[in-house]
């Protein structure tokens, strides 16, 4: 996952994140909906949160990643993006989630 900004890009690559099957499936279904709603994808430990708040005119994306470090606290990444509704972006996001292999 990469977040572009004016001077570069932040990226996050996770290799061991687990999602409840119902949450994953509901998020994929909600991506294809056109109605205003809040879509949430949370991992089972709640260290990774991906939230899309969709209104009738725009959407706001929030990504939060918390990584606990024993005896040193946590590392946190939080990003917000607010934009006009962009059908191609949401379709591409939906296609990317649909392409992810499911093992259940």
N, C-alpha and C. Protein backbone atom coordinates (compact mmCIF):
# COMPACT_ATOMS: atom_id res chain seq x y z
N UNK A 1 0.85 -1.16 0.00
CA UNK A 1 0.00 0.00 0.00
C UNK A 1 0.90 1.22 0.00
N UNK A 2 0.64 2.16 -0.90
CA UNK A 2 1.44 3.36 -0.98
C UNK A 2 0.57 4.60 -0.91
N UNK A 3 1.06 5.64 -0.24
CA UNK A 3 0.36 6.92 -0.15
C UNK A 3 1.26 7.97 -0.75
N UNK A 4 0.86 8.50 -1.91
CA UNK A 4 1.66 9.51 -2.59
C UNK A 4 1.38 10.89 -2.00
N UNK A 5 2.42 11.70 -1.95
CA UNK A 5 2.27 13.09 -1.55
C UNK A 5 3.23 13.92 -2.38
N UNK A 6 3.26 15.22 -2.17
CA UNK A 6 3.98 16.12 -3.07
C UNK A 6 5.48 15.88 -3.13
N UNK A 7 6.07 15.30 -2.10
CA UNK A 7 7.52 15.09 -2.11
C UNK A 7 7.93 13.62 -2.11
N UNK A 8 6.97 12.73 -2.29
CA UNK A 8 7.35 11.31 -2.32
C UNK A 8 6.18 10.40 -2.07
N UNK A 9 6.46 9.29 -1.38
CA UNK A 9 5.44 8.28 -1.14
C UNK A 9 5.77 7.53 0.14
N UNK A 10 4.76 7.33 0.98
CA UNK A 10 4.87 6.44 2.12
C UNK A 10 4.31 5.09 1.68
N UNK A 11 4.95 4.02 2.09
CA UNK A 11 4.38 2.72 1.75
C UNK A 11 4.40 1.81 2.97
N UNK A 12 3.49 0.86 2.95
CA UNK A 12 3.36 -0.10 4.03
C UNK A 12 3.18 -1.47 3.41
N UNK A 13 4.02 -2.40 3.78
CA UNK A 13 3.93 -3.76 3.30
C UNK A 13 3.84 -4.68 4.51
N UNK A 14 2.75 -5.42 4.57
CA UNK A 14 2.55 -6.35 5.68
C UNK A 14 2.53 -7.76 5.13
N UNK A 15 3.18 -8.68 5.81
CA UNK A 15 3.22 -10.06 5.35
C UNK A 15 2.48 -11.02 6.29
N UNK A 16 2.00 -10.52 7.42
CA UNK A 16 1.36 -11.39 8.38
C UNK A 16 0.19 -10.66 9.05
N UNK A 17 -0.83 -10.32 8.25
CA UNK A 17 -2.02 -9.65 8.75
C UNK A 17 -3.20 -10.59 8.54
N UNK A 18 -4.01 -10.78 9.58
CA UNK A 18 -5.12 -11.72 9.52
C UNK A 18 -6.44 -10.98 9.66
N UNK A 19 -7.39 -11.28 8.77
CA UNK A 19 -8.70 -10.66 8.78
C UNK A 19 -9.77 -11.72 9.02
N UNK A 20 -10.78 -11.37 9.80
CA UNK A 20 -11.93 -12.23 9.97
C UNK A 20 -12.63 -12.35 8.61
N UNK A 21 -13.05 -13.53 8.24
CA UNK A 21 -13.63 -13.75 6.91
C UNK A 21 -14.87 -12.90 6.69
N UNK A 22 -15.70 -12.73 7.69
CA UNK A 22 -16.92 -11.93 7.54
C UNK A 22 -16.59 -10.46 7.30
N UNK A 23 -15.59 -9.93 7.98
CA UNK A 23 -15.19 -8.53 7.80
C UNK A 23 -14.62 -8.33 6.40
N UNK A 24 -13.75 -9.24 5.96
CA UNK A 24 -13.16 -9.17 4.61
C UNK A 24 -14.25 -9.19 3.54
N UNK A 25 -15.15 -10.17 3.64
CA UNK A 25 -16.21 -10.32 2.64
C UNK A 25 -17.14 -9.11 2.63
N UNK A 26 -17.50 -8.61 3.80
CA UNK A 26 -18.40 -7.45 3.87
C UNK A 26 -17.73 -6.22 3.27
N UNK A 27 -16.44 -6.03 3.52
CA UNK A 27 -15.72 -4.90 2.95
C UNK A 27 -15.74 -4.97 1.43
N UNK A 28 -15.50 -6.14 0.88
CA UNK A 28 -15.52 -6.31 -0.58
C UNK A 28 -16.91 -6.01 -1.15
N UNK A 29 -17.95 -6.47 -0.48
CA UNK A 29 -19.32 -6.20 -0.94
C UNK A 29 -19.61 -4.71 -0.87
N UNK A 30 -19.23 -4.07 0.23
CA UNK A 30 -19.51 -2.65 0.41
C UNK A 30 -18.76 -1.78 -0.60
N UNK A 31 -17.61 -2.24 -1.08
CA UNK A 31 -16.87 -1.46 -2.08
C UNK A 31 -17.69 -1.27 -3.36
N UNK A 32 -18.51 -2.23 -3.71
CA UNK A 32 -19.27 -2.14 -4.95
C UNK A 32 -20.58 -1.36 -4.76
N UNK A 33 -20.93 -1.02 -3.54
CA UNK A 33 -22.17 -0.28 -3.27
C UNK A 33 -21.99 1.19 -3.66
N UNK A 34 -23.04 1.81 -4.10
CA UNK A 34 -23.00 3.22 -4.49
C UNK A 34 -23.58 4.13 -3.40
N UNK A 35 -24.20 3.54 -2.38
CA UNK A 35 -24.86 4.34 -1.36
C UNK A 35 -23.87 4.87 -0.33
N UNK A 36 -24.18 6.03 0.28
CA UNK A 36 -23.31 6.56 1.35
C UNK A 36 -23.24 5.58 2.52
N UNK A 37 -22.05 5.30 2.97
CA UNK A 37 -21.86 4.41 4.11
C UNK A 37 -20.41 4.46 4.56
N UNK A 38 -20.13 3.83 5.67
CA UNK A 38 -18.77 3.70 6.18
C UNK A 38 -18.33 2.27 6.00
N UNK A 39 -17.21 2.07 5.30
CA UNK A 39 -16.64 0.75 5.06
C UNK A 39 -15.44 0.59 5.98
N UNK A 40 -15.34 -0.54 6.66
CA UNK A 40 -14.24 -0.76 7.59
C UNK A 40 -13.59 -2.11 7.34
N UNK A 41 -12.27 -2.10 7.29
CA UNK A 41 -11.50 -3.33 7.22
C UNK A 41 -10.49 -3.29 8.37
N UNK A 42 -10.70 -4.15 9.36
CA UNK A 42 -9.84 -4.20 10.55
C UNK A 42 -9.25 -5.58 10.65
N UNK A 43 -7.96 -5.67 10.96
CA UNK A 43 -7.38 -6.99 11.15
C UNK A 43 -7.81 -7.53 12.51
N UNK A 44 -7.55 -8.79 12.75
CA UNK A 44 -8.02 -9.46 13.95
C UNK A 44 -7.40 -8.89 15.23
N UNK A 45 -6.22 -8.31 15.15
CA UNK A 45 -5.59 -7.72 16.32
C UNK A 45 -5.88 -6.23 16.45
N UNK A 46 -6.56 -5.67 15.44
CA UNK A 46 -6.87 -4.25 15.35
C UNK A 46 -5.62 -3.37 15.32
N UNK A 47 -4.55 -3.89 14.76
CA UNK A 47 -3.35 -3.09 14.53
C UNK A 47 -3.41 -2.41 13.16
N UNK A 48 -4.27 -2.91 12.28
CA UNK A 48 -4.42 -2.35 10.93
C UNK A 48 -5.89 -1.97 10.75
N UNK A 49 -6.13 -0.70 10.38
CA UNK A 49 -7.49 -0.21 10.15
C UNK A 49 -7.52 0.53 8.82
N UNK A 50 -8.46 0.17 7.96
CA UNK A 50 -8.65 0.83 6.67
C UNK A 50 -10.13 1.19 6.61
N UNK A 51 -10.43 2.49 6.63
CA UNK A 51 -11.81 2.95 6.71
C UNK A 51 -12.09 3.91 5.56
N UNK A 52 -13.21 3.70 4.87
CA UNK A 52 -13.66 4.61 3.83
C UNK A 52 -15.02 5.14 4.27
N UNK A 53 -15.10 6.45 4.46
CA UNK A 53 -16.37 7.09 4.78
C UNK A 53 -16.88 7.74 3.50
N UNK A 54 -17.98 7.22 2.98
CA UNK A 54 -18.52 7.69 1.70
C UNK A 54 -19.78 8.50 1.94
N UNK A 55 -19.81 9.74 1.43
CA UNK A 55 -21.02 10.56 1.46
C UNK A 55 -21.55 10.61 0.03
N UNK A 56 -22.55 11.42 -0.19
CA UNK A 56 -23.12 11.51 -1.54
C UNK A 56 -22.21 12.29 -2.49
N UNK A 57 -21.23 13.04 -1.97
CA UNK A 57 -20.38 13.86 -2.85
C UNK A 57 -18.88 13.56 -2.75
N UNK A 58 -18.45 12.91 -1.69
CA UNK A 58 -17.01 12.67 -1.54
C UNK A 58 -16.77 11.42 -0.71
N UNK A 59 -15.50 11.05 -0.60
CA UNK A 59 -15.15 9.98 0.32
C UNK A 59 -13.88 10.37 1.05
N UNK A 60 -13.75 9.85 2.27
CA UNK A 60 -12.57 10.09 3.10
C UNK A 60 -12.00 8.75 3.49
N UNK A 61 -10.73 8.57 3.23
CA UNK A 61 -10.05 7.32 3.55
C UNK A 61 -9.11 7.56 4.73
N UNK A 62 -9.16 6.66 5.68
CA UNK A 62 -8.24 6.69 6.81
C UNK A 62 -7.53 5.35 6.88
N UNK A 63 -6.23 5.40 6.98
CA UNK A 63 -5.41 4.20 7.16
C UNK A 63 -4.64 4.38 8.47
N UNK A 64 -4.76 3.41 9.35
CA UNK A 64 -4.03 3.44 10.62
C UNK A 64 -3.30 2.11 10.80
N UNK A 65 -2.03 2.20 11.11
CA UNK A 65 -1.23 1.01 11.38
C UNK A 65 -0.51 1.23 12.71
N UNK A 66 -0.68 0.30 13.63
CA UNK A 66 -0.01 0.34 14.93
C UNK A 66 0.82 -0.92 15.05
N UNK A 67 2.08 -0.75 15.35
CA UNK A 67 2.98 -1.89 15.51
C UNK A 67 3.59 -1.85 16.91
N UNK A 68 3.15 -2.75 17.78
CA UNK A 68 3.72 -2.74 19.13
C UNK A 68 5.18 -3.20 19.12
N UNK A 69 5.98 -2.51 19.90
CA UNK A 69 7.38 -2.90 20.06
C UNK A 69 7.59 -3.13 21.56
N UNK A 70 7.91 -4.35 21.92
CA UNK A 70 8.04 -4.71 23.33
C UNK A 70 9.08 -3.82 24.00
N UNK A 71 8.71 -3.25 25.11
CA UNK A 71 9.52 -2.37 25.98
C UNK A 71 9.83 -1.02 25.36
N UNK A 72 9.31 -0.73 24.15
CA UNK A 72 9.62 0.57 23.56
C UNK A 72 8.38 1.32 23.07
N UNK A 73 7.18 0.83 23.35
CA UNK A 73 5.97 1.52 22.91
C UNK A 73 5.48 0.99 21.58
N UNK A 74 5.03 1.88 20.70
CA UNK A 74 4.49 1.48 19.41
C UNK A 74 4.98 2.41 18.30
N UNK A 75 4.97 1.90 17.10
CA UNK A 75 5.18 2.70 15.90
C UNK A 75 3.80 2.88 15.28
N UNK A 76 3.44 4.10 14.91
CA UNK A 76 2.12 4.35 14.35
C UNK A 76 2.24 5.09 13.02
N UNK A 77 1.42 4.68 12.07
CA UNK A 77 1.27 5.38 10.80
C UNK A 77 -0.20 5.68 10.64
N UNK A 78 -0.53 6.93 10.38
CA UNK A 78 -1.92 7.29 10.15
C UNK A 78 -1.97 8.25 8.99
N UNK A 79 -2.85 7.98 8.04
CA UNK A 79 -3.00 8.83 6.87
C UNK A 79 -4.47 9.06 6.59
N UNK A 80 -4.80 10.26 6.15
CA UNK A 80 -6.16 10.62 5.77
C UNK A 80 -6.14 11.18 4.36
N UNK A 81 -7.13 10.83 3.57
CA UNK A 81 -7.29 11.35 2.23
C UNK A 81 -8.75 11.71 2.05
N UNK A 82 -9.04 12.94 1.64
CA UNK A 82 -10.41 13.34 1.36
C UNK A 82 -10.46 13.78 -0.08
N UNK A 83 -11.43 13.25 -0.83
CA UNK A 83 -11.47 13.52 -2.26
C UNK A 83 -12.90 13.45 -2.76
N UNK A 84 -13.13 14.08 -3.93
CA UNK A 84 -14.41 13.90 -4.60
C UNK A 84 -14.56 12.42 -4.93
N UNK A 85 -15.79 11.96 -5.05
CA UNK A 85 -16.02 10.56 -5.42
C UNK A 85 -15.34 10.25 -6.74
N UNK A 86 -14.63 9.19 -6.78
CA UNK A 86 -13.88 8.79 -7.96
C UNK A 86 -14.21 7.33 -8.26
N UNK A 87 -15.15 7.12 -9.18
CA UNK A 87 -15.57 5.77 -9.53
C UNK A 87 -14.44 4.86 -9.94
N UNK A 88 -13.52 5.31 -10.84
CA UNK A 88 -12.43 4.42 -11.23
C UNK A 88 -11.54 4.01 -10.07
N UNK A 89 -11.28 4.91 -9.13
CA UNK A 89 -10.46 4.55 -7.97
C UNK A 89 -11.12 3.45 -7.16
N UNK A 90 -12.42 3.61 -6.89
CA UNK A 90 -13.12 2.60 -6.09
C UNK A 90 -13.23 1.28 -6.84
N UNK A 91 -13.43 1.33 -8.16
CA UNK A 91 -13.46 0.08 -8.94
C UNK A 91 -12.10 -0.62 -8.90
N UNK A 92 -11.03 0.16 -9.06
CA UNK A 92 -9.68 -0.43 -9.00
C UNK A 92 -9.41 -1.04 -7.63
N UNK A 93 -9.84 -0.35 -6.59
CA UNK A 93 -9.67 -0.88 -5.24
C UNK A 93 -10.46 -2.17 -5.08
N UNK A 94 -11.70 -2.17 -5.55
CA UNK A 94 -12.53 -3.38 -5.49
C UNK A 94 -11.92 -4.53 -6.27
N UNK A 95 -11.37 -4.23 -7.47
CA UNK A 95 -10.72 -5.27 -8.27
C UNK A 95 -9.50 -5.83 -7.55
N UNK A 96 -8.74 -4.96 -6.89
CA UNK A 96 -7.54 -5.42 -6.16
C UNK A 96 -7.94 -6.35 -5.01
N UNK A 97 -9.00 -6.02 -4.29
CA UNK A 97 -9.45 -6.90 -3.20
C UNK A 97 -10.01 -8.20 -3.75
N UNK A 98 -10.72 -8.14 -4.87
CA UNK A 98 -11.27 -9.35 -5.46
C UNK A 98 -10.16 -10.28 -5.96
N UNK A 99 -9.03 -9.71 -6.35
CA UNK A 99 -7.92 -10.51 -6.87
C UNK A 99 -7.09 -11.17 -5.77
N UNK A 100 -7.25 -10.71 -4.53
CA UNK A 100 -6.48 -11.31 -3.43
C UNK A 100 -6.94 -12.75 -3.20
N UNK A 101 -5.99 -13.66 -3.05
CA UNK A 101 -6.39 -15.06 -2.83
C UNK A 101 -7.02 -15.22 -1.45
N UNK A 102 -8.09 -15.97 -1.39
CA UNK A 102 -8.73 -16.31 -0.12
C UNK A 102 -8.45 -17.76 0.17
N UNK A 103 -8.10 -18.04 1.39
CA UNK A 103 -7.77 -19.40 1.78
C UNK A 103 -8.88 -20.04 2.61
N UNK A 104 -10.05 -19.40 2.62
CA UNK A 104 -11.18 -19.93 3.37
C UNK A 104 -12.35 -20.15 2.45
